[in-house]
Each structure stands twice: as C-alpha cells, then as structure tokens.
Amino acid sequence: MSLQHYHIIHLVAVMALFAGTGAALAAADHGPTRKFGAILRGVALLLLLVTGFGLLAKQGIMKSMPLWVWCKLAIWVIAALLPVFVKRKLLPATAAVLIALALGSVAAWLGYMKPF
C-alpha cells in the first residue's frame, strides 16, 4: 500500500474516532447509539494504530522511534480512555470533548511538524 493510502485511511480513522467519541458521550447510557459509537471508536482506534505504524514503516522511521511518535502513542491511549473516565464520573462529558479536541490538535501538529 502506498504512503498516500495509509495517510488517507489514517485521517478517516481520526474522523471516525471523533464521531464515535461524540456518539458515545452524547447517547443515553445503554442506547443503540452509544453501542454504535463504542464500536466505531474501537475500529477507529485499531485503524489509527495500524495505519500509524504503517506510515512510520513506509517512511523508515520504525528503526528508532523519535519522541514525537511516543507522544502520539500517549495521546492515542488517553483518547481511548476518555469515555471510560466520563462513564465512571471522573470527568464531565464537556471536559472530555474539550480534551479530545486539544489532544487531536496536538497529535496533528506532532504528525505534520515532527518537532523532536
């Protein structure tokens, strides 16, 4: 698969992650929308991980992963856990949405700028 294919799938997965997170947070506790949001989030997280490492491999970065890659992996873990924090009442849903937007912005900046 080409670098452009990986990149497009990666960006679609980012959109699916945000859509799934929004659906999971906005839906009633046990509604079908929440279940669909959770499934969409899970698939998106898997696609992000696979295509992210595919992009790294295509660019030859896998041999020695720089710090920005580790930061993006940490962002991936936090993004995966945000709905859990909301469900367990550790974080309000509004704060989770704002944190998700901030994390997405930082991840995009890290991916394009590759600062360190």
C-alpha atoms as a PDB file:
ATOM      1  CA  MET A   1       0.000   0.000   0.000  1.00  0.00           C
ATOM      2  CA  SER A   2       1.292   3.464  -0.809  1.00  0.00           C
ATOM      3  CA  LEU A   3       2.082   6.208   1.674  1.00  0.00           C
ATOM      4  CA  GLN A   4      -0.915   8.207   0.422  1.00  0.00           C
ATOM      5  CA  HIS A   5      -3.286   5.284   1.051  1.00  0.00           C
ATOM      6  CA  TYR A   6      -2.041   4.921   4.620  1.00  0.00           C
ATOM      7  CA  HIS A   7      -2.421   8.659   5.158  1.00  0.00           C
ATOM      8  CA  ILE A   8      -5.991   8.792   3.844  1.00  0.00           C
ATOM      9  CA  ILE A   9      -7.073   5.804   5.942  1.00  0.00           C
ATOM     10  CA  HIS A  10      -5.359   7.363   8.964  1.00  0.00           C
ATOM     11  CA  LEU A  11      -7.263  10.633   8.505  1.00  0.00           C
ATOM     12  CA  VAL A  12     -10.584   8.827   8.005  1.00  0.00           C
ATOM     13  CA  ALA A  13      -9.889   6.892  11.219  1.00  0.00           C
ATOM     14  CA  VAL A  14      -9.303  10.184  13.060  1.00  0.00           C
ATOM     15  CA  MET A  15     -12.698  11.433  11.860  1.00  0.00           C
ATOM     16  CA  ALA A  16     -14.322   8.139  12.884  1.00  0.00           C
ATOM     17  CA  LEU A  17     -12.701   8.356  16.321  1.00  0.00           C
ATOM     18  CA  PHE A  18     -14.130  11.828  16.922  1.00  0.00           C
ATOM     19  CA  ALA A  19     -17.564  10.813  15.576  1.00  0.00           C
ATOM     20  CA  GLY A  20     -17.612   7.664  17.697  1.00  0.00           C
ATOM     21  CA  THR A  21     -16.499   9.519  20.812  1.00  0.00           C
ATOM     22  CA  GLY A  22     -19.187  12.150  20.269  1.00  0.00           C
ATOM     23  CA  ALA A  23     -21.854   9.493  19.742  1.00  0.00           C
ATOM     24  CA  ALA A  24     -20.742   7.546  22.802  1.00  0.00           C
ATOM     25  CA  LEU A  25     -20.740  10.655  25.014  1.00  0.00           C
ATOM     26  CA  ALA A  26     -23.994  12.147  23.708  1.00  0.00           C
ATOM     27  CA  ALA A  27     -26.117   8.972  23.721  1.00  0.00           C
ATOM     28  CA  ALA A  28     -28.165   7.641  26.588  1.00  0.00           C
ATOM     29  CA  ASP A  29     -26.447   5.201  28.941  1.00  0.00           C
ATOM     30  CA  HIS A  30     -27.408   1.994  27.161  1.00  0.00           C
ATOM     31  CA  GLY A  31     -28.901   3.108  23.860  1.00  0.00           C
ATOM     32  CA  PRO A  32     -28.027   1.677  20.457  1.00  0.00           C
ATOM     33  CA  THR A  33     -26.313   4.949  19.533  1.00  0.00           C
ATOM     34  CA  ARG A  34     -23.890   4.504  22.398  1.00  0.00           C
ATOM     35  CA  LYS A  35     -23.132   0.948  21.284  1.00  0.00           C
ATOM     36  CA  PHE A  36     -22.578   2.083  17.702  1.00  0.00           C
ATOM     37  CA  GLY A  37     -20.317   4.883  18.970  1.00  0.00           C
ATOM     38  CA  ALA A  38     -18.287   2.409  21.015  1.00  0.00           C
ATOM     39  CA  ILE A  39     -17.876   0.054  18.041  1.00  0.00           C
ATOM     40  CA  LEU A  40     -16.916   2.936  15.757  1.00  0.00           C
ATOM     41  CA  ARG A  41     -14.358   4.152  18.307  1.00  0.00           C
ATOM     42  CA  GLY A  42     -12.835   0.695  18.660  1.00  0.00           C
ATOM     43  CA  VAL A  43     -12.473   0.208  14.917  1.00  0.00           C
ATOM     44  CA  ALA A  44     -11.095   3.741  14.534  1.00  0.00           C
ATOM     45  CA  LEU A  45      -8.536   3.220  17.302  1.00  0.00           C
ATOM     46  CA  LEU A  46      -7.364  -0.013  15.686  1.00  0.00           C
ATOM     47  CA  LEU A  47      -7.114   1.633  12.253  1.00  0.00           C
ATOM     48  CA  LEU A  48      -5.204   4.577  13.735  1.00  0.00           C
ATOM     49  CA  LEU A  49      -2.686   2.242  15.325  1.00  0.00           C
ATOM     50  CA  VAL A  50      -2.197   0.054  12.236  1.00  0.00           C
ATOM     51  CA  THR A  51      -2.015   2.902   9.732  1.00  0.00           C
ATOM     52  CA  GLY A  52       0.165   4.980  12.042  1.00  0.00           C
ATOM     53  CA  PHE A  53       2.746   2.230  12.238  1.00  0.00           C
ATOM     54  CA  GLY A  54       2.330   1.624   8.509  1.00  0.00           C
ATOM     55  CA  LEU A  55       3.159   5.276   7.865  1.00  0.00           C
ATOM     56  CA  LEU A  56       6.200   5.034  10.116  1.00  0.00           C
ATOM     57  CA  ALA A  57       7.403   1.899   8.333  1.00  0.00           C
ATOM     58  CA  LYS A  58       6.914   3.423   4.873  1.00  0.00           C
ATOM     59  CA  GLN A  59       8.941   6.467   5.920  1.00  0.00           C
ATOM     60  CA  GLY A  60      11.685   4.370   7.514  1.00  0.00           C
ATOM     61  CA  ILE A  61      11.102   5.776  11.000  1.00  0.00           C
ATOM     62  CA  MET A  62      10.436   2.438  12.736  1.00  0.00           C
ATOM     63  CA  LYS A  63      14.086   1.656  13.442  1.00  0.00           C
ATOM     64  CA  SER A  64      14.478   4.397  16.045  1.00  0.00           C
ATOM     65  CA  MET A  65      11.180   5.944  17.023  1.00  0.00           C
ATOM     66  CA  PRO A  66      11.588   9.626  17.866  1.00  0.00           C
ATOM     67  CA  LEU A  67       9.953  11.303  20.855  1.00  0.00           C
ATOM     68  CA  TRP A  68       7.048  12.704  18.835  1.00  0.00           C
ATOM     69  CA  VAL A  69       5.955   9.139  17.994  1.00  0.00           C
ATOM     70  CA  TRP A  70       5.894   8.215  21.684  1.00  0.00           C
ATOM     71  CA  CYS A  71       3.876  11.380  22.393  1.00  0.00           C
ATOM     72  CA  LYS A  72       1.353  10.389  19.725  1.00  0.00           C
ATOM     73  CA  LEU A  73       1.076   6.913  21.267  1.00  0.00           C
ATOM     74  CA  ALA A  74       0.370   8.521  24.663  1.00  0.00           C
ATOM     75  CA  ILE A  75      -2.313  10.684  23.039  1.00  0.00           C
ATOM     76  CA  TRP A  76      -3.803   7.540  21.472  1.00  0.00           C
ATOM     77  CA  VAL A  77      -4.052   5.866  24.901  1.00  0.00           C
ATOM     78  CA  ILE A  78      -5.624   8.946  26.510  1.00  0.00           C
ATOM     79  CA  ALA A  79      -8.118   9.283  23.638  1.00  0.00           C
ATOM     80  CA  ALA A  80      -9.055   5.626  24.101  1.00  0.00           C
ATOM     81  CA  LEU A  81      -9.687   6.154  27.824  1.00  0.00           C
ATOM     82  CA  LEU A  82     -11.684   9.420  27.722  1.00  0.00           C
ATOM     83  CA  PRO A  83     -15.143   7.800  27.512  1.00  0.00           C
ATOM     84  CA  VAL A  84     -14.205   5.469  30.366  1.00  0.00           C
ATOM     85  CA  PHE A  85     -13.381   8.500  32.528  1.00  0.00           C
ATOM     86  CA  VAL A  86     -16.759  10.039  31.655  1.00  0.00           C
ATOM     87  CA  LYS A  87     -18.683   6.823  32.322  1.00  0.00           C
ATOM     88  CA  ARG A  88     -17.056   6.438  35.739  1.00  0.00           C
ATOM     89  CA  LYS A  89     -17.846  10.095  36.527  1.00  0.00           C
ATOM     90  CA  LEU A  90     -14.152  11.007  36.822  1.00  0.00           C
ATOM     91  CA  LEU A  91     -14.534  13.641  34.105  1.00  0.00           C
ATOM     92  CA  PRO A  92     -17.536  15.623  32.845  1.00  0.00           C
ATOM     93  CA  ALA A  93     -18.504  14.994  29.216  1.00  0.00           C
ATOM     94  CA  THR A  94     -17.895  18.632  28.251  1.00  0.00           C
ATOM     95  CA  ALA A  95     -14.355  18.466  29.598  1.00  0.00           C
ATOM     96  CA  ALA A  96     -13.773  15.187  27.727  1.00  0.00           C
ATOM     97  CA  VAL A  97     -14.827  16.780  24.436  1.00  0.00           C
ATOM     98  CA  LEU A  98     -12.515  19.746  25.001  1.00  0.00           C
ATOM     99  CA  ILE A  99      -9.643  17.456  25.979  1.00  0.00           C
ATOM    100  CA  ALA A 100     -10.274  15.337  22.862  1.00  0.00           C
ATOM    101  CA  LEU A 101     -10.112  18.444  20.657  1.00  0.00           C
ATOM    102  CA  ALA A 102      -6.898  19.569  22.326  1.00  0.00           C
ATOM    103  CA  LEU A 103      -5.340  16.116  22.017  1.00  0.00           C
ATOM    104  CA  GLY A 104      -6.369  15.882  18.363  1.00  0.00           C
ATOM    105  CA  SER A 105      -4.803  19.256  17.670  1.00  0.00           C
ATOM    106  CA  VAL A 106      -1.548  18.308  19.369  1.00  0.00           C
ATOM    107  CA  ALA A 107      -1.461  14.953  17.559  1.00  0.00           C
ATOM    108  CA  ALA A 108      -1.974  16.683  14.199  1.00  0.00           C
ATOM    109  CA  TRP A 109       0.776  19.191  14.982  1.00  0.00           C
ATOM    110  CA  LEU A 110       3.155  16.406  16.024  1.00  0.00           C
ATOM    111  CA  GLY A 111       2.387  14.390  12.900  1.00  0.00           C
ATOM    112  CA  TYR A 112       2.954  17.233  10.483  1.00  0.00           C
ATOM    113  CA  MET A 113       5.770  19.133  12.180  1.00  0.00           C
ATOM    114  CA  LYS A 114       7.705  16.171  13.663  1.00  0.00           C
ATOM    115  CA  PRO A 115       9.399  18.557  16.107  1.00  0.00           C
ATOM    116  CA  PHE A 116      11.621  16.119  18.011  1.00  0.00           C
END
